[in-house]
Amino acid sequence: MDDAGVGRAADDLRAVGLSAARVWADYPPTPWWWWPAFAALWAGFVVAATRAVELSNVWLFDAAAVVLAVGELALLYHHRRVRGAWPRLATMPPEIRTLVGRQFVLTAGVAVVVVLLCLAGWSLVAAGLTFAYLALGGGIVYERAYRRAADAAVARVSV
């Protein structure tokens, strides 16, 4: 292959990398109300589930789980409708994969703290932490970090 062919192949590879990164980078911003609604559903579930366990009331727990599931499905349906088809996780650029991994570990840690608070009888504190983390840290802060990671992925493959 001559130098021109190598150059075209390199350009083609860059174009493929750019289009793969753009799938993860190009999407409309999340509406302002989405993260607080998501957080409120989970915070409500924390309080209701803890109260159900305290009362040994399986019906209350089941009702809370149904409300959580229906609310989550409604939010996910809206998210999917606005954003279109979701990209495959296997094609995630490394910049975004690192961020998502960190977010997963952090969320698991917060979940452990929430469970411990509930077991200690502090369900309202646990609900407040759940809301604050999901609405602020899990939502607004994550969205900003995601945007930076997506921009870095596009910049890396655009060179």
Protein backbone atom coordinates (compact mmCIF):
# COMPACT_ATOMS: atom_id res chain seq x y z
CA MET A 1 0.00 0.00 0.00
CA ASP A 2 1.41 3.39 -0.92
CA ASP A 3 1.57 6.43 1.37
CA ALA A 4 -1.68 7.85 -0.03
CA GLY A 5 -3.47 4.57 0.74
CA VAL A 6 -2.09 4.51 4.27
CA GLY A 7 -3.25 8.11 4.76
CA ARG A 8 -6.75 7.29 3.49
CA ALA A 9 -6.91 4.23 5.75
CA ALA A 10 -5.86 6.34 8.75
CA ASP A 11 -8.50 8.94 7.88
CA ASP A 12 -11.12 6.20 7.57
CA LEU A 13 -10.17 4.78 10.98
CA ARG A 14 -10.40 8.24 12.53
CA ALA A 15 -13.85 8.72 10.97
CA VAL A 16 -15.03 5.39 12.40
CA GLY A 17 -13.65 6.30 15.84
CA LEU A 18 -15.26 9.72 15.69
CA SER A 19 -18.65 8.32 14.74
CA ALA A 20 -18.40 5.74 17.57
CA ALA A 21 -17.58 8.50 20.07
CA ARG A 22 -20.33 10.78 18.73
CA VAL A 23 -22.96 8.12 19.51
CA TRP A 24 -22.07 8.62 23.17
CA ALA A 25 -21.45 12.38 22.98
CA ASP A 26 -24.34 13.74 20.90
CA TYR A 27 -27.56 13.80 22.86
CA PRO A 28 -29.95 16.43 24.16
CA PRO A 29 -29.44 17.59 27.74
CA THR A 30 -31.47 15.93 30.46
CA PRO A 31 -34.48 18.10 31.45
CA TRP A 32 -34.07 20.01 34.74
CA TRP A 33 -36.85 18.02 36.43
CA TRP A 34 -35.59 14.52 35.52
CA TRP A 35 -32.96 14.00 38.26
CA PRO A 36 -35.10 15.43 41.10
CA ALA A 37 -38.01 13.19 39.99
CA PHE A 38 -35.71 10.17 39.85
CA ALA A 39 -34.31 11.03 43.28
CA ALA A 40 -37.76 11.61 44.79
CA LEU A 41 -38.94 8.19 43.67
CA TRP A 42 -35.99 6.48 45.30
CA ALA A 43 -36.14 8.60 48.47
CA GLY A 44 -39.85 7.80 48.81
CA PHE A 45 -39.10 4.13 48.35
CA VAL A 46 -36.42 4.24 51.07
CA VAL A 47 -38.90 5.71 53.58
CA ALA A 48 -41.79 3.43 52.59
CA ALA A 49 -39.66 0.29 52.48
CA THR A 50 -38.08 1.03 55.87
CA ARG A 51 -41.48 1.72 57.39
CA ALA A 52 -42.87 -1.47 55.86
CA VAL A 53 -40.06 -3.51 57.40
CA GLU A 54 -40.58 -1.82 60.78
CA LEU A 55 -44.30 -2.68 60.64
CA SER A 56 -43.72 -6.13 59.09
CA ASN A 57 -46.17 -5.01 56.41
CA VAL A 58 -45.46 -6.80 53.15
CA TRP A 59 -48.30 -4.97 51.38
CA LEU A 60 -46.79 -1.56 52.09
CA PHE A 61 -43.41 -2.76 50.84
CA ASP A 62 -44.99 -4.23 47.68
CA ALA A 63 -46.97 -1.04 47.04
CA ALA A 64 -43.80 1.06 47.43
CA ALA A 65 -41.94 -1.24 45.04
CA VAL A 66 -44.75 -0.99 42.46
CA VAL A 67 -44.82 2.82 42.68
CA LEU A 68 -41.02 2.88 42.30
CA ALA A 69 -41.11 0.51 39.32
CA VAL A 70 -43.91 2.36 37.52
CA GLY A 71 -42.26 5.72 38.15
CA GLU A 72 -38.87 4.46 36.97
CA LEU A 73 -40.38 2.95 33.83
CA ALA A 74 -42.15 6.24 33.05
CA LEU A 75 -38.89 8.19 33.49
CA LEU A 76 -36.93 5.69 31.40
CA TYR A 77 -39.61 5.75 28.68
CA HIS A 78 -39.36 9.55 28.55
CA HIS A 79 -35.56 9.39 28.50
CA ARG A 80 -35.56 6.85 25.68
CA ARG A 81 -38.12 8.80 23.66
CA VAL A 82 -36.07 12.01 23.93
CA ARG A 83 -32.67 10.42 23.32
CA GLY A 84 -33.63 7.77 20.77
CA ALA A 85 -31.95 4.38 20.63
CA TRP A 86 -29.34 3.84 23.30
CA PRO A 87 -25.84 2.91 22.22
CA ARG A 88 -24.33 -0.46 23.13
CA LEU A 89 -22.20 -0.48 26.27
CA ALA A 90 -19.49 -2.41 24.43
CA THR A 91 -18.82 0.65 22.24
CA MET A 92 -18.35 3.04 25.17
CA PRO A 93 -15.24 5.22 24.77
CA PRO A 94 -12.64 4.71 27.53
CA GLU A 95 -13.13 8.25 28.88
CA ILE A 96 -16.81 7.57 29.48
CA ARG A 97 -16.25 3.97 30.63
CA THR A 98 -13.95 5.25 33.41
CA LEU A 99 -16.55 7.78 34.53
CA VAL A 100 -19.38 5.23 34.49
CA GLY A 101 -17.26 2.77 36.47
CA ARG A 102 -16.47 5.38 39.12
CA GLN A 103 -20.13 6.38 39.30
CA PHE A 104 -21.17 2.74 39.74
CA VAL A 105 -18.72 2.24 42.63
CA LEU A 106 -19.76 5.52 44.27
CA THR A 107 -23.46 4.67 43.92
CA ALA A 108 -22.88 1.22 45.45
CA GLY A 109 -21.09 2.87 48.38
CA VAL A 110 -23.94 5.34 48.91
CA ALA A 111 -26.42 2.45 48.75
CA VAL A 112 -24.53 0.61 51.52
CA VAL A 113 -24.60 3.75 53.69
CA VAL A 114 -28.34 4.18 53.02
CA VAL A 115 -29.04 0.58 54.03
CA LEU A 116 -26.96 0.98 57.22
CA LEU A 117 -28.83 4.19 58.08
CA CYS A 118 -32.16 2.42 57.55
CA LEU A 119 -31.06 -0.49 59.75
CA ALA A 120 -30.11 2.03 62.44
CA GLY A 121 -33.63 3.48 62.28
CA TRP A 122 -32.69 6.69 60.51
CA SER A 123 -34.83 6.26 57.42
CA LEU A 124 -35.47 9.99 56.96
CA VAL A 125 -31.73 10.70 57.01
CA ALA A 126 -31.27 7.83 54.56
CA ALA A 127 -34.00 9.25 52.32
CA GLY A 128 -32.39 12.70 52.47
CA LEU A 129 -29.02 11.25 51.53
CA THR A 130 -30.63 9.26 48.70
CA PHE A 131 -32.34 12.36 47.34
CA ALA A 132 -29.27 14.59 47.68
CA TYR A 133 -26.96 12.05 46.07
CA LEU A 134 -29.24 11.15 43.17
CA ALA A 135 -30.44 14.68 42.44
CA LEU A 136 -27.09 16.43 42.86
CA GLY A 137 -24.16 14.02 42.82
CA GLY A 138 -25.75 11.30 40.74
CA GLY A 139 -27.47 13.75 38.47
CA ILE A 140 -26.24 17.26 38.00
CA VAL A 141 -22.57 16.64 38.87
CA TYR A 142 -22.53 13.40 36.87
CA GLU A 143 -24.09 15.09 33.83
CA ARG A 144 -21.35 17.74 33.85
CA ALA A 145 -18.60 15.13 34.27
CA TYR A 146 -20.16 13.08 31.48
CA ARG A 147 -20.14 16.08 29.15
CA ARG A 148 -16.43 16.64 29.87
CA ALA A 149 -15.66 12.94 29.29
CA ALA A 150 -17.69 12.89 26.06
CA ASP A 151 -15.90 16.01 24.80
CA ALA A 152 -12.54 14.42 25.67
CA ALA A 153 -13.49 11.25 23.76
CA VAL A 154 -14.47 13.24 20.68
CA ALA A 155 -11.30 15.34 20.91
CA ARG A 156 -9.15 12.21 21.21
CA VAL A 157 -10.53 10.63 18.02
CA SER A 158 -10.73 13.93 16.12
CA VAL A 159 -6.97 14.45 16.07
